């Protein structure tokens, strides 16, 4: 019985060995270097856009009869303590911050 078993194993091994596919060596091609010669340079047009930057114009107001700098500051900035900003921006027109006249054109800084 052992002999039959050994003969069966040998025959199975022989069949499996003979059934295996033979591998052929893989052929690889050597890459060919190509040289490309540029015959003509094509230039794309350059589009330039000129943008004129206009600085923001300061807001100006005309003083009304009975107005004070703190009235204008409260109306324009929401806080009457900002009257000094208006005074500093208009020192060339206002010599005394307590005295402004109707019709004066004042610059309101940002």
N, C-alpha and C. Protein backbone atom coordinates (compact mmCIF):
# COMPACT_ATOMS: atom_id res chain seq x y z
N UNK A 1 0.81 -1.17 0.00
CA UNK A 1 0.00 0.00 0.00
C UNK A 1 0.87 1.26 0.00
N UNK A 2 1.97 1.19 0.75
CA UNK A 2 2.87 2.32 0.79
C UNK A 2 3.51 2.54 -0.56
N UNK A 3 3.75 1.50 -1.27
CA UNK A 3 4.40 1.63 -2.57
C UNK A 3 3.45 2.31 -3.55
N UNK A 4 2.19 1.95 -3.51
CA UNK A 4 1.20 2.59 -4.38
C UNK A 4 1.10 4.10 -4.07
N UNK A 5 1.12 4.36 -2.81
CA UNK A 5 1.01 5.75 -2.38
C UNK A 5 2.23 6.54 -2.87
N UNK A 6 3.40 6.02 -2.79
CA UNK A 6 4.63 6.68 -3.23
C UNK A 6 4.62 6.82 -4.75
N UNK A 7 4.16 5.79 -5.46
CA UNK A 7 4.12 5.86 -6.92
C UNK A 7 3.13 6.94 -7.38
N UNK A 8 2.03 7.06 -6.67
CA UNK A 8 1.03 8.09 -7.02
C UNK A 8 1.62 9.49 -6.81
N UNK A 9 2.33 9.67 -5.74
CA UNK A 9 2.92 10.98 -5.46
C UNK A 9 4.00 11.33 -6.49
N UNK A 10 4.77 10.35 -6.88
CA UNK A 10 5.83 10.59 -7.86
C UNK A 10 5.21 10.93 -9.21
N UNK A 11 4.15 10.20 -9.58
CA UNK A 11 3.53 10.48 -10.87
C UNK A 11 2.85 11.85 -10.88
N UNK A 12 2.28 12.23 -9.76
CA UNK A 12 1.66 13.56 -9.68
C UNK A 12 2.73 14.64 -9.81
N UNK A 13 3.85 14.44 -9.15
CA UNK A 13 4.94 15.41 -9.22
C UNK A 13 5.48 15.51 -10.63
N UNK A 14 5.59 14.36 -11.31
CA UNK A 14 6.09 14.34 -12.68
C UNK A 14 5.13 15.06 -13.62
N UNK A 15 3.83 14.83 -13.45
CA UNK A 15 2.83 15.48 -14.30
C UNK A 15 2.84 16.99 -14.08
N UNK A 16 2.93 17.38 -12.85
CA UNK A 16 2.92 18.83 -12.55
C UNK A 16 4.17 19.51 -13.10
N UNK A 17 5.28 18.83 -13.04
CA UNK A 17 6.51 19.41 -13.54
C UNK A 17 6.50 19.53 -15.04
N UNK A 18 5.89 18.57 -15.71
CA UNK A 18 5.87 18.62 -17.17
C UNK A 18 4.78 19.53 -17.71
N UNK A 19 3.78 19.86 -16.88
CA UNK A 19 2.68 20.74 -17.34
C UNK A 19 3.01 22.21 -17.20
N UNK A 20 4.00 22.54 -16.49
CA UNK A 20 4.32 23.96 -16.27
C UNK A 20 4.67 24.65 -17.57
N UNK A 21 4.19 25.86 -17.72
CA UNK A 21 4.46 26.63 -18.94
C UNK A 21 5.89 27.14 -18.89
N UNK A 22 6.52 27.07 -20.01
CA UNK A 22 7.89 27.57 -20.08
C UNK A 22 7.84 29.06 -20.33
N UNK A 23 8.61 29.77 -19.57
CA UNK A 23 8.65 31.22 -19.72
C UNK A 23 9.72 31.60 -20.72
N UNK A 24 9.31 32.50 -21.61
CA UNK A 24 10.27 33.01 -22.57
C UNK A 24 10.85 34.30 -22.02
N UNK A 25 12.08 34.57 -22.30
CA UNK A 25 12.66 35.81 -21.78
C UNK A 25 11.95 37.03 -22.39
N UNK A 26 11.75 38.03 -21.58
CA UNK A 26 11.09 39.26 -22.01
C UNK A 26 12.08 40.09 -22.80
N UNK A 27 11.63 40.48 -23.97
CA UNK A 27 12.50 41.29 -24.83
C UNK A 27 12.26 42.76 -24.50
N UNK A 28 13.30 43.47 -24.25
CA UNK A 28 13.19 44.91 -23.99
C UNK A 28 13.91 45.65 -25.09
N UNK A 29 13.27 46.72 -25.49
CA UNK A 29 13.88 47.54 -26.54
C UNK A 29 14.63 48.69 -25.90
N UNK A 30 15.74 49.00 -26.46
CA UNK A 30 16.52 50.12 -25.99
C UNK A 30 15.85 51.40 -26.49
N UNK A 31 15.56 52.33 -25.58
CA UNK A 31 14.91 53.56 -26.03
C UNK A 31 15.79 54.33 -27.01
N UNK A 32 15.13 54.89 -27.99
CA UNK A 32 15.85 55.66 -29.01
C UNK A 32 15.74 57.13 -28.64
N UNK A 33 16.86 57.81 -28.61
CA UNK A 33 16.84 59.23 -28.32
C UNK A 33 16.50 59.99 -29.59
N UNK A 34 15.56 60.91 -29.43
CA UNK A 34 15.17 61.73 -30.57
C UNK A 34 15.58 63.16 -30.29
N UNK A 35 16.07 63.82 -31.29
CA UNK A 35 16.44 65.22 -31.17
C UNK A 35 15.42 66.04 -31.94
N UNK A 36 14.81 66.99 -31.25
CA UNK A 36 13.82 67.85 -31.88
C UNK A 36 14.47 69.21 -32.08
N UNK A 37 14.42 69.70 -33.28
CA UNK A 37 14.99 70.99 -33.60
C UNK A 37 13.84 71.97 -33.80
N UNK A 38 13.86 73.03 -33.04
CA UNK A 38 12.83 74.06 -33.15
C UNK A 38 13.24 75.00 -34.27
N UNK A 39 12.40 75.04 -35.28
CA UNK A 39 12.75 75.84 -36.44
C UNK A 39 12.25 77.27 -36.34
N UNK A 40 11.12 77.46 -35.65
CA UNK A 40 10.54 78.79 -35.61
C UNK A 40 9.99 79.04 -34.21
N UNK A 41 10.28 80.20 -33.67
CA UNK A 41 9.77 80.57 -32.37
C UNK A 41 8.49 81.35 -32.58
N UNK A 42 7.44 80.88 -31.94
CA UNK A 42 6.15 81.56 -32.05
C UNK A 42 5.95 82.35 -30.77
N UNK A 43 5.83 83.64 -30.91
CA UNK A 43 5.64 84.50 -29.74
C UNK A 43 4.17 84.86 -29.62
N UNK A 44 3.67 84.69 -28.43
CA UNK A 44 2.28 85.08 -28.19
C UNK A 44 2.28 86.56 -27.84
N UNK A 45 1.25 87.27 -28.29
CA UNK A 45 1.21 88.70 -27.99
C UNK A 45 1.00 88.94 -26.50
N UNK A 46 1.67 89.94 -26.00
CA UNK A 46 1.56 90.31 -24.60
C UNK A 46 0.54 91.43 -24.49
N UNK A 47 -0.46 91.20 -23.67
CA UNK A 47 -1.50 92.20 -23.48
C UNK A 47 -1.22 92.91 -22.16
N UNK A 48 -1.03 94.19 -22.25
CA UNK A 48 -0.80 94.98 -21.05
C UNK A 48 -2.01 95.88 -20.84
N UNK A 49 -2.44 95.93 -19.61
CA UNK A 49 -3.58 96.77 -19.29
C UNK A 49 -3.11 97.88 -18.36
N UNK A 50 -3.40 99.07 -18.74
CA UNK A 50 -3.01 100.22 -17.93
C UNK A 50 -4.21 100.59 -17.06
N UNK A 51 -3.98 100.56 -15.77
CA UNK A 51 -5.03 100.90 -14.84
C UNK A 51 -4.64 102.19 -14.14
N UNK A 52 -5.49 103.15 -14.26
CA UNK A 52 -5.23 104.43 -13.61
C UNK A 52 -5.85 104.39 -12.22
N UNK A 53 -5.02 104.57 -11.23
CA UNK A 53 -5.48 104.54 -9.85
C UNK A 53 -5.78 105.98 -9.42
N UNK A 54 -7.03 106.19 -9.11
CA UNK A 54 -7.46 107.52 -8.67
C UNK A 54 -7.61 107.46 -7.15
N UNK A 55 -6.85 108.28 -6.44
CA UNK A 55 -6.98 108.26 -4.99
C UNK A 55 -8.38 108.71 -4.57
N UNK A 56 -8.88 108.14 -3.50
CA UNK A 56 -10.22 108.53 -3.06
C UNK A 56 -10.26 110.01 -2.68
N UNK A 57 -11.30 110.64 -3.09
CA UNK A 57 -11.46 112.06 -2.78
C UNK A 57 -12.04 112.18 -1.37
N UNK A 58 -11.46 113.05 -0.56
CA UNK A 58 -12.00 113.20 0.79
C UNK A 58 -13.40 113.83 0.74
N UNK A 59 -14.20 113.43 1.70
CA UNK A 59 -15.56 113.96 1.78
C UNK A 59 -15.47 115.40 2.28
N UNK A 60 -16.29 116.25 1.71
CA UNK A 60 -16.31 117.66 2.11
C UNK A 60 -17.73 118.06 2.49
N UNK A 61 -17.81 118.99 3.42
CA UNK A 61 -19.13 119.52 3.80
C UNK A 61 -19.04 121.05 3.85
N UNK A 62 -20.21 121.66 3.78
CA UNK A 62 -20.32 123.12 3.92
C UNK A 62 -20.93 123.39 5.30
N UNK A 63 -20.27 124.25 6.07
CA UNK A 63 -20.74 124.58 7.41
C UNK A 63 -22.04 125.37 7.31
N UNK A 64 -23.02 124.94 8.13
CA UNK A 64 -24.31 125.63 8.18
C UNK A 64 -24.32 126.60 9.35
N UNK A 65 -25.25 127.52 9.32
CA UNK A 65 -25.38 128.51 10.38
C UNK A 65 -25.65 127.82 11.71
N UNK A 66 -24.87 128.17 12.72
CA UNK A 66 -25.06 127.64 14.07
C UNK A 66 -24.35 126.32 14.33
N UNK A 67 -23.61 125.79 13.37
CA UNK A 67 -22.90 124.52 13.58
C UNK A 67 -21.55 124.76 14.24
N UNK A 68 -21.15 123.79 15.02
CA UNK A 68 -19.85 123.76 15.66
C UNK A 68 -19.13 122.50 15.20
N UNK A 69 -17.84 122.44 15.42
CA UNK A 69 -17.10 121.26 15.00
C UNK A 69 -17.63 120.00 15.69
N UNK A 70 -18.02 120.11 16.96
CA UNK A 70 -18.52 118.92 17.63
C UNK A 70 -19.88 118.48 17.08
N UNK A 71 -20.70 119.44 16.55
CA UNK A 71 -21.96 119.06 15.90
C UNK A 71 -21.68 118.25 14.63
N UNK A 72 -20.73 118.73 13.85
CA UNK A 72 -20.37 118.06 12.60
C UNK A 72 -19.79 116.68 12.90
N UNK A 73 -18.91 116.58 13.92
CA UNK A 73 -18.30 115.31 14.29
C UNK A 73 -19.37 114.31 14.73
N UNK A 74 -20.33 114.76 15.52
CA UNK A 74 -21.40 113.87 15.98
C UNK A 74 -22.24 113.38 14.80
N UNK A 75 -22.56 114.29 13.87
CA UNK A 75 -23.39 113.91 12.71
C UNK A 75 -22.64 112.99 11.75
N UNK A 76 -21.35 113.25 11.54
CA UNK A 76 -20.59 112.49 10.54
C UNK A 76 -19.95 111.22 11.09
N UNK A 77 -19.48 111.25 12.34
CA UNK A 77 -18.76 110.11 12.91
C UNK A 77 -19.51 109.40 14.03
N UNK A 78 -20.57 110.00 14.51
CA UNK A 78 -21.33 109.38 15.59
C UNK A 78 -20.77 109.67 16.98
N UNK A 79 -19.73 110.48 17.06
CA UNK A 79 -19.12 110.81 18.35
C UNK A 79 -18.59 112.24 18.28
N UNK A 80 -19.10 113.10 19.16
CA UNK A 80 -18.69 114.51 19.10
C UNK A 80 -17.23 114.70 19.50
N UNK A 81 -16.61 113.69 20.16
CA UNK A 81 -15.21 113.80 20.54
C UNK A 81 -14.28 113.79 19.33
N UNK A 82 -14.79 113.41 18.15
CA UNK A 82 -13.97 113.37 16.94
C UNK A 82 -13.84 114.74 16.26
N UNK A 83 -14.26 115.80 16.93
CA UNK A 83 -14.13 117.14 16.34
C UNK A 83 -12.67 117.48 16.05
N UNK A 84 -11.75 116.90 16.86
CA UNK A 84 -10.33 117.20 16.69
C UNK A 84 -9.82 116.68 15.33
N UNK A 85 -10.37 115.55 14.83
CA UNK A 85 -9.98 115.03 13.51
C UNK A 85 -10.31 116.05 12.43
N UNK A 86 -11.49 116.64 12.55
CA UNK A 86 -11.92 117.63 11.56
C UNK A 86 -11.03 118.87 11.65
N UNK A 87 -10.74 119.28 12.87
CA UNK A 87 -9.89 120.46 13.07
C UNK A 87 -8.49 120.23 12.50
N UNK A 88 -7.89 119.08 12.79
CA UNK A 88 -6.54 118.77 12.29
C UNK A 88 -6.49 118.73 10.76
N UNK A 89 -7.56 118.24 10.14
CA UNK A 89 -7.58 118.15 8.67
C UNK A 89 -7.82 119.51 8.02
N UNK A 90 -8.29 120.48 8.79
CA UNK A 90 -8.64 121.79 8.23
C UNK A 90 -7.92 122.94 8.92
N UNK A 91 -6.76 122.69 9.48
CA UNK A 91 -6.01 123.74 10.17
C UNK A 91 -5.68 124.91 9.27
N UNK A 92 -5.57 124.65 7.97
CA UNK A 92 -5.26 125.74 7.05
C UNK A 92 -6.43 126.72 6.91
N UNK A 93 -7.65 126.30 7.30
CA UNK A 93 -8.84 127.16 7.18
C UNK A 93 -9.36 127.63 8.53
N UNK A 94 -9.03 126.88 9.57
CA UNK A 94 -9.57 127.18 10.91
C UNK A 94 -8.42 127.59 11.82
N UNK A 95 -8.43 128.82 12.29
CA UNK A 95 -7.37 129.26 13.20
C UNK A 95 -7.76 128.94 14.65
N UNK A 96 -9.04 129.00 14.95
CA UNK A 96 -9.54 128.71 16.29
C UNK A 96 -10.65 127.66 16.15
N UNK A 97 -10.53 126.48 16.78
CA UNK A 97 -11.55 125.45 16.62
C UNK A 97 -12.92 125.83 17.18
N UNK A 98 -12.96 126.85 18.00
CA UNK A 98 -14.25 127.30 18.54
C UNK A 98 -14.98 128.25 17.60
N UNK A 99 -14.30 128.69 16.55
CA UNK A 99 -14.91 129.66 15.64
C UNK A 99 -14.85 129.13 14.21
N UNK A 100 -16.02 128.74 13.69
CA UNK A 100 -16.15 128.39 12.27
C UNK A 100 -17.32 129.18 11.74
N UNK A 101 -17.29 129.44 10.46
CA UNK A 101 -18.29 130.33 9.86
C UNK A 101 -19.17 129.57 8.86
N UNK A 102 -20.44 129.96 8.74
CA UNK A 102 -21.31 129.36 7.74
C UNK A 102 -20.73 129.57 6.34
N UNK A 103 -20.82 128.52 5.51
CA UNK A 103 -20.32 128.60 4.15
C UNK A 103 -18.90 128.07 3.99
N UNK A 104 -18.22 127.83 5.10
CA UNK A 104 -16.86 127.27 5.01
C UNK A 104 -16.95 125.84 4.48
N UNK A 105 -16.01 125.50 3.60
CA UNK A 105 -15.96 124.12 3.10
C UNK A 105 -14.89 123.39 3.90
N UNK A 106 -15.29 122.33 4.61
CA UNK A 106 -14.37 121.57 5.45
C UNK A 106 -14.21 120.15 4.91
N UNK A 107 -12.99 119.67 5.02
CA UNK A 107 -12.68 118.29 4.61
C UNK A 107 -12.93 117.37 5.80
N UNK A 108 -13.60 116.25 5.54
CA UNK A 108 -13.83 115.26 6.60
C UNK A 108 -12.90 114.07 6.37
N UNK A 109 -11.91 113.88 7.23
CA UNK A 109 -10.98 112.76 7.06
C UNK A 109 -11.69 111.42 7.32
N UNK A 110 -11.09 110.35 6.80
CA UNK A 110 -11.68 109.02 7.01
C UNK A 110 -11.50 108.56 8.43
